[in-house]
Amino acid sequence: MDEQILEIINKLKGSLLGIGLTNENILNAIEENSNIDVCYLLNNISLTGKKFSITKRGKNKKINIKKIKKQFKKKSLDNIICNFDIIKQFYRSFVPNSIYLCNQTIYIYGKKDDLKKLKQKYLRYTKEVKIEKDSILIINACGTKNHFLKDLFYKIKDFGIDFVDLVTDILVN
């Protein structure tokens, strides 16, 4: 899977948001790619360099994944690469926020079973969603739009589905 992510990184252009990228080979590939202008990393590793920063002012601070929409402007990022294990507990808010922020492509890697559920969430916004054989979800975010009421409706719907699942699990057990 790391080899495929390295191939993806070598093709990227513009700005990049990386969430949960901890492998040194991946970080070195981002640094070596001359087409990537700025890379924002949200992980426990703090790197200093020309491309790596958390905020535009150079201050090193933590950004909550739920409130990531407040840190960046609309369609300000060209690409997003993230690890599904990191965003698993925040995926309800991450899906509309990633569509709001990203201009071109979103890459999410993880287990294939988890990515099938996430694929259904992204199909609400765009029709160009595919899962590669190495468990990488590729979402084309060109021309996608969010609307406050649409996002609110889907949050309520997802909460209702999760609540019904919880109640059925309690009653069955």
Protein backbone atom coordinates (compact mmCIF):
# COMPACT_ATOMS: atom_id res chain seq x y z
CA MET A 1 0.00 0.00 0.00
CA ASP A 2 2.89 2.37 0.77
CA GLU A 3 4.24 1.97 -2.77
CA GLN A 4 0.91 3.01 -4.27
CA ILE A 5 0.72 6.03 -1.94
CA LEU A 6 4.25 7.01 -3.02
CA GLU A 7 3.15 6.83 -6.67
CA ILE A 8 0.17 9.05 -5.89
CA ILE A 9 2.36 11.58 -4.08
CA ASN A 10 4.78 11.77 -7.00
CA LYS A 11 1.88 12.78 -9.30
CA LEU A 12 0.43 15.49 -7.02
CA LYS A 13 0.56 19.22 -7.76
CA GLY A 14 -0.39 22.27 -5.68
CA SER A 15 -1.25 22.27 -1.99
CA LEU A 16 -1.69 19.14 0.10
CA LEU A 17 -3.31 18.31 3.42
CA GLY A 18 -1.97 15.13 5.01
CA ILE A 19 -3.75 13.55 7.97
CA GLY A 20 -2.07 10.68 9.77
CA LEU A 21 0.95 10.41 7.47
CA THR A 22 3.61 9.00 9.78
CA ASN A 23 5.76 6.93 7.44
CA GLU A 24 9.13 8.60 6.82
CA ASN A 25 9.27 7.43 3.19
CA ILE A 26 5.98 9.19 2.46
CA LEU A 27 7.12 12.39 4.17
CA ASN A 28 10.41 12.34 2.26
CA ALA A 29 8.53 11.84 -1.02
CA ILE A 30 6.40 14.91 -0.24
CA GLU A 31 9.53 16.94 0.49
CA GLU A 32 11.21 15.80 -2.74
CA ASN A 33 8.20 16.49 -4.98
CA SER A 34 8.82 19.89 -6.52
CA ASN A 35 5.21 20.25 -7.72
CA ILE A 36 3.81 20.38 -4.17
CA ASP A 37 3.84 24.00 -3.01
CA VAL A 38 2.65 23.69 0.61
CA CYS A 39 1.91 20.63 2.72
CA TYR A 40 -0.17 20.90 5.89
CA LEU A 41 0.30 17.90 8.16
CA LEU A 42 -2.10 16.96 10.92
CA ASN A 43 -0.33 14.32 12.97
CA ASN A 44 1.78 13.91 16.08
CA ILE A 45 5.06 14.50 14.25
CA SER A 46 6.08 18.13 13.97
CA LEU A 47 8.34 18.76 10.99
CA THR A 48 10.02 21.95 9.99
CA GLY A 49 10.84 22.72 6.43
CA LYS A 50 9.84 24.79 3.45
CA LYS A 51 6.74 22.77 2.65
CA PHE A 52 5.58 21.52 6.03
CA SER A 53 3.50 23.83 8.19
CA ILE A 54 0.33 23.76 10.25
CA THR A 55 -0.74 27.36 9.78
CA LYS A 56 0.28 30.07 7.36
CA ARG A 57 1.85 32.18 10.10
CA GLY A 58 4.28 29.43 11.05
CA LYS A 59 2.87 28.88 14.54
CA ASN A 60 2.79 25.25 15.56
CA LYS A 61 -0.62 24.49 17.03
CA LYS A 62 -3.06 21.60 17.08
CA ILE A 63 -6.05 21.62 14.77
CA ASN A 64 -9.14 19.59 15.64
CA ILE A 65 -10.30 17.46 12.72
CA LYS A 66 -13.93 18.31 13.52
CA LYS A 67 -13.17 22.03 13.17
CA ILE A 68 -10.84 21.82 10.20
CA LYS A 69 -13.25 23.88 8.11
CA LYS A 70 -12.47 26.97 10.22
CA GLN A 71 -8.72 26.79 9.52
CA PHE A 72 -8.82 26.80 5.72
CA LYS A 73 -10.86 28.70 3.14
CA LYS A 74 -13.40 27.16 0.77
CA LYS A 75 -11.72 25.07 -1.95
CA SER A 76 -8.28 26.23 -0.77
CA LEU A 77 -6.60 22.80 -0.86
CA ASP A 78 -5.83 20.93 -4.04
CA ASN A 79 -5.39 17.43 -2.58
CA ILE A 80 -6.08 15.61 0.68
CA ILE A 81 -4.42 12.34 1.74
CA CYS A 82 -5.49 10.73 4.98
CA ASN A 83 -5.42 7.53 6.98
CA PHE A 84 -8.90 6.19 7.75
CA ASP A 85 -7.86 4.94 11.20
CA ILE A 86 -7.17 8.54 12.26
CA ILE A 87 -10.47 9.97 10.96
CA LYS A 88 -12.64 6.98 11.90
CA GLN A 89 -14.26 8.64 14.92
CA PHE A 90 -14.70 11.97 13.08
CA TYR A 91 -15.90 10.73 9.68
CA ARG A 92 -19.40 12.24 10.05
CA SER A 93 -17.97 15.74 10.10
CA PHE A 94 -14.90 14.97 7.97
CA VAL A 95 -16.84 13.97 4.84
CA PRO A 96 -18.64 17.31 4.27
CA ASN A 97 -15.61 19.29 5.46
CA SER A 98 -13.27 17.52 3.03
CA ILE A 99 -15.64 18.22 0.13
CA TYR A 100 -15.82 21.86 1.26
CA LEU A 101 -12.02 22.24 1.40
CA CYS A 102 -10.71 20.17 -1.49
CA ASN A 103 -10.42 21.38 -5.06
CA GLN A 104 -9.24 18.29 -6.94
CA THR A 105 -8.81 14.87 -5.35
CA ILE A 106 -9.18 13.20 -1.95
CA TYR A 107 -7.25 10.00 -1.18
CA ILE A 108 -8.17 7.88 1.85
CA TYR A 109 -6.37 4.65 2.64
CA GLY A 110 -7.37 1.97 5.11
CA LYS A 111 -9.24 -1.34 5.32
CA LYS A 112 -11.42 -2.15 2.36
CA ASP A 113 -14.53 -2.94 4.46
CA ASP A 114 -14.40 0.45 6.20
CA LEU A 115 -13.87 2.24 2.89
CA LYS A 116 -17.07 0.74 1.43
CA LYS A 117 -19.12 2.53 4.11
CA LEU A 118 -17.22 5.74 3.52
CA LYS A 119 -17.75 5.43 -0.23
CA GLN A 120 -21.51 5.62 0.29
CA LYS A 121 -21.09 8.86 2.24
CA TYR A 122 -19.05 10.46 -0.56
CA LEU A 123 -21.48 9.30 -3.26
CA ARG A 124 -23.92 11.87 -1.85
CA TYR A 125 -21.69 14.66 -3.16
CA THR A 126 -20.04 13.26 -6.29
CA LYS A 127 -20.40 10.33 -8.67
CA GLU A 128 -16.67 9.82 -9.25
CA VAL A 129 -15.67 7.64 -6.28
CA LYS A 130 -13.67 4.45 -6.67
CA ILE A 131 -11.78 1.99 -4.49
CA GLU A 132 -8.41 0.82 -5.76
CA LYS A 133 -7.31 -2.78 -5.22
CA ASP A 134 -4.87 -1.79 -2.49
CA SER A 135 -7.59 -0.29 -0.29
CA ILE A 136 -7.29 3.32 -1.40
CA LEU A 137 -10.46 5.36 -1.85
CA ILE A 138 -10.12 8.02 -4.57
CA ILE A 139 -12.69 10.83 -4.66
CA ASN A 140 -12.75 13.37 -7.47
CA ALA A 141 -13.89 16.61 -5.83
CA CYS A 142 -13.87 18.80 -8.95
CA GLY A 143 -17.16 20.64 -9.24
CA THR A 144 -18.66 19.35 -6.00
CA LYS A 145 -20.82 21.61 -3.88
CA ASN A 146 -22.01 21.64 -0.27
CA HIS A 147 -25.07 23.26 1.11
CA PHE A 148 -25.77 23.86 4.78
CA LEU A 149 -29.24 22.26 4.69
CA LYS A 150 -28.00 19.25 2.74
CA ASP A 151 -25.19 18.68 5.26
CA LEU A 152 -27.59 19.09 8.18
CA PHE A 153 -30.06 16.61 6.65
CA TYR A 154 -27.34 13.98 6.19
CA LYS A 155 -25.99 14.50 9.74
CA ILE A 156 -29.47 13.93 11.16
CA LYS A 157 -30.00 10.90 8.92
CA ASP A 158 -26.65 9.35 9.91
CA PHE A 159 -27.31 9.99 13.59
CA GLY A 160 -30.73 8.33 13.29
CA ILE A 161 -29.26 5.27 11.56
CA ASP A 162 -26.55 4.94 14.22
CA PHE A 163 -29.12 5.34 16.98
CA VAL A 164 -31.39 2.63 15.52
CA ASP A 165 -28.38 0.30 15.16
CA LEU A 166 -27.43 0.90 18.79
CA VAL A 167 -30.98 0.22 20.02
CA THR A 168 -31.25 -3.00 17.97
CA ASP A 169 -27.88 -4.20 19.30
CA ILE A 170 -29.04 -3.58 22.86
CA LEU A 171 -32.36 -5.37 22.30
CA VAL A 172 -30.77 -8.35 20.54
CA ASN A 173 -28.13 -8.86 23.22
